[in-house]
Amino acid sequence: MKEFATDLKEGVTVALPRKLDESEADHELGSLPQWTRDGEVIERITVFPTFTDAIRAVDAIALIAEELNHHPDVDIRWRTVRLAMTTHDVDGLSTLDIEAARRIDACIGALAG
């Protein structure tokens, strides 16, 4: 398994996040009730009050993704936003997926609040 990857944006070699084993993944997801797991992917589906609220949320999530250099798959269907994440470099869920999910949850909570 690879331990390092080249960051194409910065052109530097960086350490890869650590892959979670089954028990770690289950434990971490216990603190993320809005997320579900399907194999090596975690997913969150959120229905926003309006289409523009959904787009604003995706825009804010994009900033988080850029900061972490870890980008979820995003599907927008009117007011419903589906996010899916996995770490391709480790062929599964990693610490980075959990960190991104926590930040996304905080972001969505702030937008709703």
N, C-alpha and C. Protein backbone atom coordinates (compact mmCIF):
# COMPACT_ATOMS: atom_id res chain seq x y z
N MET A 1 0.84 -1.17 0.00
CA MET A 1 0.00 0.00 0.00
C MET A 1 0.89 1.24 0.00
N LYS A 2 0.46 2.27 -0.72
CA LYS A 2 1.21 3.52 -0.78
C LYS A 2 1.15 4.23 0.56
N GLU A 3 2.24 4.89 0.94
CA GLU A 3 2.25 5.70 2.15
C GLU A 3 2.36 7.18 1.85
N PHE A 4 2.75 7.51 0.61
CA PHE A 4 2.91 8.90 0.22
C PHE A 4 2.29 9.12 -1.15
N ALA A 5 1.90 10.36 -1.39
CA ALA A 5 1.35 10.73 -2.70
C ALA A 5 1.85 12.13 -3.04
N THR A 6 1.82 12.47 -4.32
CA THR A 6 2.21 13.80 -4.75
C THR A 6 0.97 14.67 -4.83
N ASP A 7 1.01 15.79 -4.14
CA ASP A 7 -0.07 16.77 -4.18
C ASP A 7 0.09 17.55 -5.48
N LEU A 8 -0.81 17.32 -6.42
CA LEU A 8 -0.69 17.94 -7.75
C LEU A 8 -0.80 19.45 -7.68
N LYS A 9 -1.58 19.95 -6.76
CA LYS A 9 -1.77 21.39 -6.63
C LYS A 9 -0.49 22.08 -6.17
N GLU A 10 0.18 21.47 -5.19
CA GLU A 10 1.38 22.07 -4.62
C GLU A 10 2.67 21.47 -5.18
N GLY A 11 2.59 20.29 -5.82
CA GLY A 11 3.76 19.65 -6.37
C GLY A 11 4.72 19.09 -5.33
N VAL A 12 4.19 18.75 -4.16
CA VAL A 12 5.02 18.21 -3.08
C VAL A 12 4.51 16.82 -2.71
N THR A 13 5.38 16.05 -2.08
CA THR A 13 5.00 14.73 -1.61
C THR A 13 4.47 14.86 -0.19
N VAL A 14 3.31 14.26 0.06
CA VAL A 14 2.67 14.35 1.37
C VAL A 14 2.34 12.96 1.88
N ALA A 15 2.27 12.83 3.20
CA ALA A 15 1.88 11.56 3.81
C ALA A 15 0.39 11.34 3.57
N LEU A 16 0.01 10.11 3.29
CA LEU A 16 -1.39 9.78 3.10
C LEU A 16 -2.07 9.63 4.46
N PRO A 17 -3.37 9.87 4.51
CA PRO A 17 -4.09 9.64 5.76
C PRO A 17 -4.10 8.14 6.08
N ARG A 18 -4.36 7.83 7.32
CA ARG A 18 -4.36 6.44 7.76
C ARG A 18 -5.72 5.80 7.47
N LYS A 19 -5.68 4.61 6.88
CA LYS A 19 -6.90 3.86 6.62
C LYS A 19 -7.45 3.35 7.95
N LEU A 20 -8.77 3.43 8.10
CA LEU A 20 -9.43 2.94 9.31
C LEU A 20 -9.76 1.47 9.15
N ASP A 21 -9.56 0.71 10.22
CA ASP A 21 -10.02 -0.68 10.18
C ASP A 21 -11.52 -0.69 10.49
N GLU A 22 -12.14 -1.85 10.40
CA GLU A 22 -13.61 -1.96 10.55
C GLU A 22 -14.10 -1.38 11.88
N SER A 23 -13.45 -1.76 12.97
CA SER A 23 -13.92 -1.31 14.28
C SER A 23 -13.72 0.20 14.45
N GLU A 24 -12.62 0.74 13.92
CA GLU A 24 -12.40 2.18 14.00
C GLU A 24 -13.46 2.93 13.18
N ALA A 25 -13.74 2.44 11.99
CA ALA A 25 -14.74 3.09 11.14
C ALA A 25 -16.10 3.09 11.83
N ASP A 26 -16.49 1.96 12.38
CA ASP A 26 -17.78 1.88 13.08
C ASP A 26 -17.82 2.81 14.28
N HIS A 27 -16.72 2.85 15.04
CA HIS A 27 -16.65 3.72 16.21
C HIS A 27 -16.78 5.20 15.80
N GLU A 28 -16.02 5.61 14.80
CA GLU A 28 -16.05 7.01 14.36
C GLU A 28 -17.42 7.40 13.82
N LEU A 29 -18.04 6.49 13.09
CA LEU A 29 -19.37 6.81 12.55
C LEU A 29 -20.43 6.90 13.63
N GLY A 30 -20.16 6.31 14.78
CA GLY A 30 -21.08 6.44 15.91
C GLY A 30 -21.23 7.88 16.37
N SER A 31 -20.21 8.71 16.11
CA SER A 31 -20.28 10.12 16.49
C SER A 31 -20.72 11.01 15.33
N LEU A 32 -21.11 10.38 14.23
CA LEU A 32 -21.57 11.12 13.04
C LEU A 32 -22.93 10.57 12.61
N PRO A 33 -23.98 10.86 13.37
CA PRO A 33 -25.28 10.22 13.10
C PRO A 33 -25.93 10.59 11.77
N GLN A 34 -25.50 11.68 11.15
CA GLN A 34 -26.08 12.07 9.86
C GLN A 34 -25.47 11.29 8.69
N TRP A 35 -24.42 10.52 8.96
CA TRP A 35 -23.70 9.80 7.92
C TRP A 35 -24.01 8.32 7.99
N THR A 36 -24.12 7.69 6.84
CA THR A 36 -24.30 6.24 6.77
C THR A 36 -23.12 5.65 6.01
N ARG A 37 -22.94 4.37 6.18
CA ARG A 37 -21.81 3.70 5.53
C ARG A 37 -22.32 2.63 4.60
N ASP A 38 -21.71 2.59 3.42
CA ASP A 38 -21.96 1.53 2.46
C ASP A 38 -20.60 1.02 2.01
N GLY A 39 -20.12 -0.02 2.67
CA GLY A 39 -18.79 -0.54 2.36
C GLY A 39 -17.72 0.45 2.73
N GLU A 40 -16.98 0.91 1.74
CA GLU A 40 -15.86 1.83 1.97
C GLU A 40 -16.21 3.29 1.68
N VAL A 41 -17.51 3.59 1.68
CA VAL A 41 -17.99 4.95 1.39
C VAL A 41 -18.90 5.40 2.52
N ILE A 42 -18.75 6.66 2.93
CA ILE A 42 -19.72 7.25 3.84
C ILE A 42 -20.54 8.27 3.07
N GLU A 43 -21.79 8.43 3.48
CA GLU A 43 -22.74 9.25 2.73
C GLU A 43 -23.61 10.05 3.68
N ARG A 44 -23.90 11.27 3.29
CA ARG A 44 -24.86 12.11 4.01
C ARG A 44 -25.82 12.70 2.99
N ILE A 45 -27.10 12.61 3.30
CA ILE A 45 -28.13 13.23 2.45
C ILE A 45 -28.85 14.27 3.30
N THR A 46 -28.90 15.49 2.78
CA THR A 46 -29.53 16.59 3.49
C THR A 46 -30.54 17.26 2.57
N VAL A 47 -31.72 17.53 3.09
CA VAL A 47 -32.74 18.27 2.35
C VAL A 47 -32.79 19.68 2.95
N PHE A 48 -32.53 20.66 2.10
CA PHE A 48 -32.51 22.05 2.53
C PHE A 48 -33.86 22.71 2.24
N PRO A 49 -34.15 23.83 2.92
CA PRO A 49 -35.45 24.49 2.72
C PRO A 49 -35.69 24.97 1.29
N THR A 50 -34.62 25.42 0.63
CA THR A 50 -34.77 25.93 -0.74
C THR A 50 -33.59 25.46 -1.59
N PHE A 51 -33.74 25.57 -2.88
CA PHE A 51 -32.65 25.24 -3.80
C PHE A 51 -31.44 26.14 -3.55
N THR A 52 -31.68 27.43 -3.34
CA THR A 52 -30.54 28.33 -3.11
C THR A 52 -29.82 28.00 -1.81
N ASP A 53 -30.54 27.54 -0.79
CA ASP A 53 -29.89 27.09 0.44
C ASP A 53 -28.99 25.89 0.16
N ALA A 54 -29.46 24.99 -0.67
CA ALA A 54 -28.66 23.81 -1.02
C ALA A 54 -27.39 24.23 -1.75
N ILE A 55 -27.50 25.16 -2.66
CA ILE A 55 -26.33 25.63 -3.41
C ILE A 55 -25.36 26.36 -2.49
N ARG A 56 -25.87 27.17 -1.57
CA ARG A 56 -25.00 27.85 -0.60
C ARG A 56 -24.23 26.83 0.24
N ALA A 57 -24.91 25.77 0.65
CA ALA A 57 -24.26 24.73 1.45
C ALA A 57 -23.15 24.05 0.65
N VAL A 58 -23.43 23.71 -0.59
CA VAL A 58 -22.41 23.07 -1.43
C VAL A 58 -21.22 24.01 -1.62
N ASP A 59 -21.48 25.29 -1.78
CA ASP A 59 -20.39 26.25 -1.93
C ASP A 59 -19.52 26.28 -0.67
N ALA A 60 -20.13 26.25 0.50
CA ALA A 60 -19.38 26.25 1.76
C ALA A 60 -18.62 24.93 1.93
N ILE A 61 -19.23 23.83 1.54
CA ILE A 61 -18.58 22.51 1.61
C ILE A 61 -17.38 22.47 0.67
N ALA A 62 -17.49 23.12 -0.47
CA ALA A 62 -16.37 23.17 -1.42
C ALA A 62 -15.16 23.85 -0.80
N LEU A 63 -15.36 24.86 0.01
CA LEU A 63 -14.24 25.53 0.68
C LEU A 63 -13.56 24.59 1.67
N ILE A 64 -14.35 23.81 2.40
CA ILE A 64 -13.80 22.82 3.32
C ILE A 64 -12.99 21.78 2.54
N ALA A 65 -13.56 21.32 1.44
CA ALA A 65 -12.89 20.30 0.62
C ALA A 65 -11.55 20.82 0.09
N GLU A 66 -11.52 22.04 -0.34
CA GLU A 66 -10.28 22.63 -0.84
C GLU A 66 -9.25 22.75 0.28
N GLU A 67 -9.70 23.18 1.46
CA GLU A 67 -8.78 23.32 2.59
C GLU A 67 -8.16 21.98 2.97
N LEU A 68 -8.96 20.92 2.94
CA LEU A 68 -8.47 19.59 3.30
C LEU A 68 -7.83 18.85 2.12
N ASN A 69 -8.02 19.38 0.91
CA ASN A 69 -7.62 18.68 -0.32
C ASN A 69 -8.23 17.27 -0.34
N HIS A 70 -9.51 17.23 0.01
CA HIS A 70 -10.26 15.98 0.05
C HIS A 70 -11.69 16.31 -0.36
N HIS A 71 -12.10 15.82 -1.52
CA HIS A 71 -13.32 16.30 -2.16
C HIS A 71 -14.39 15.22 -2.21
N PRO A 72 -15.56 15.51 -1.63
CA PRO A 72 -16.64 14.52 -1.70
C PRO A 72 -17.27 14.50 -3.09
N ASP A 73 -17.89 13.37 -3.41
CA ASP A 73 -18.78 13.35 -4.57
C ASP A 73 -20.03 14.10 -4.14
N VAL A 74 -20.52 14.98 -5.01
CA VAL A 74 -21.67 15.82 -4.68
C VAL A 74 -22.74 15.61 -5.74
N ASP A 75 -23.96 15.36 -5.26
CA ASP A 75 -25.10 15.23 -6.16
C ASP A 75 -26.19 16.18 -5.65
N ILE A 76 -26.63 17.10 -6.49
CA ILE A 76 -27.67 18.06 -6.11
C ILE A 76 -28.92 17.76 -6.91
N ARG A 77 -30.00 17.53 -6.22
CA ARG A 77 -31.31 17.31 -6.84
C ARG A 77 -32.29 18.27 -6.18
N TRP A 78 -32.50 19.39 -6.78
CA TRP A 78 -33.35 20.46 -6.28
C TRP A 78 -32.88 20.86 -4.89
N ARG A 79 -33.58 20.49 -3.82
CA ARG A 79 -33.20 20.88 -2.45
C ARG A 79 -32.38 19.81 -1.73
N THR A 80 -32.20 18.67 -2.38
CA THR A 80 -31.53 17.53 -1.74
C THR A 80 -30.08 17.45 -2.20
N VAL A 81 -29.18 17.41 -1.22
CA VAL A 81 -27.75 17.29 -1.51
C VAL A 81 -27.26 15.96 -0.94
N ARG A 82 -26.63 15.18 -1.79
CA ARG A 82 -26.03 13.90 -1.38
C ARG A 82 -24.52 14.06 -1.47
N LEU A 83 -23.84 13.77 -0.36
CA LEU A 83 -22.38 13.79 -0.30
C LEU A 83 -21.90 12.38 -0.05
N ALA A 84 -20.86 11.97 -0.75
CA ALA A 84 -20.27 10.65 -0.55
C ALA A 84 -18.75 10.81 -0.51
N MET A 85 -18.12 10.10 0.44
CA MET A 85 -16.66 10.21 0.57
C MET A 85 -16.02 8.85 0.82
N THR A 86 -14.84 8.73 0.27
CA THR A 86 -13.92 7.63 0.52
C THR A 86 -12.54 8.17 0.21
N THR A 87 -11.51 7.47 0.63
CA THR A 87 -10.15 7.90 0.33
C THR A 87 -9.55 6.92 -0.67
N HIS A 88 -9.49 7.33 -1.93
CA HIS A 88 -9.03 6.44 -2.99
C HIS A 88 -7.58 6.01 -2.80
N ASP A 89 -6.76 6.89 -2.25
CA ASP A 89 -5.34 6.55 -2.07
C ASP A 89 -5.11 5.40 -1.10
N VAL A 90 -6.06 5.16 -0.18
CA VAL A 90 -5.89 4.05 0.76
C VAL A 90 -6.93 2.95 0.51
N ASP A 91 -7.70 3.10 -0.56
CA ASP A 91 -8.73 2.11 -0.92
C ASP A 91 -9.72 1.86 0.22
N GLY A 92 -10.20 2.93 0.82
CA GLY A 92 -11.20 2.76 1.89
C GLY A 92 -11.39 4.04 2.68
N LEU A 93 -11.98 3.87 3.85
CA LEU A 93 -12.22 5.01 4.72
C LEU A 93 -10.96 5.35 5.49
N SER A 94 -10.74 6.65 5.66
CA SER A 94 -9.54 7.09 6.37
C SER A 94 -9.90 8.16 7.39
N THR A 95 -8.88 8.53 8.14
CA THR A 95 -9.03 9.61 9.11
C THR A 95 -9.47 10.91 8.42
N LEU A 96 -9.07 11.09 7.19
CA LEU A 96 -9.45 12.29 6.44
C LEU A 96 -10.94 12.33 6.13
N ASP A 97 -11.54 11.19 5.85
CA ASP A 97 -12.99 11.15 5.62
C ASP A 97 -13.74 11.59 6.87
N ILE A 98 -13.28 11.12 8.03
CA ILE A 98 -13.94 11.45 9.29
C ILE A 98 -13.78 12.94 9.59
N GLU A 99 -12.58 13.47 9.40
CA GLU A 99 -12.34 14.90 9.63
C GLU A 99 -13.21 15.74 8.70
N ALA A 100 -13.28 15.37 7.45
CA ALA A 100 -14.12 16.11 6.50
C ALA A 100 -15.59 16.04 6.91
N ALA A 101 -16.05 14.86 7.30
CA ALA A 101 -17.46 14.70 7.71
C ALA A 101 -17.76 15.59 8.92
N ARG A 102 -16.87 15.65 9.88
CA ARG A 102 -17.08 16.50 11.06
C ARG A 102 -17.17 17.97 10.67
N ARG A 103 -16.28 18.40 9.81
CA ARG A 103 -16.30 19.80 9.38
C ARG A 103 -17.54 20.11 8.55
N ILE A 104 -17.96 19.18 7.73
CA ILE A 104 -19.17 19.38 6.93
C ILE A 104 -20.39 19.46 7.84
N ASP A 105 -20.46 18.58 8.84
CA ASP A 105 -21.57 18.62 9.80
C ASP A 105 -21.64 19.99 10.49
N ALA A 106 -20.49 20.49 10.93
CA ALA A 106 -20.45 21.79 11.59
C ALA A 106 -20.90 22.91 10.65
N CYS A 107 -20.48 22.82 9.41
CA CYS A 107 -20.86 23.80 8.39
C CYS A 107 -22.37 23.79 8.15
N ILE A 108 -22.92 22.61 7.96
CA ILE A 108 -24.36 22.50 7.70
C ILE A 108 -25.13 22.97 8.93
N GLY A 109 -24.64 22.62 10.12
CA GLY A 109 -25.29 23.09 11.34
C GLY A 109 -25.29 24.61 11.46
N ALA A 110 -24.18 25.23 11.10
CA ALA A 110 -24.09 26.69 11.15
C ALA A 110 -25.03 27.34 10.14
N LEU A 111 -25.14 26.73 8.96
CA LEU A 111 -26.04 27.28 7.94
C LEU A 111 -27.50 27.15 8.35
N ALA A 112 -27.82 26.09 9.07
CA ALA A 112 -29.20 25.85 9.50
C ALA A 112 -29.55 26.70 10.71
N GLY A 113 -28.52 27.08 11.49
CA GLY A 113 -28.73 27.75 12.76
C GLY A 113 -29.09 29.18 12.65
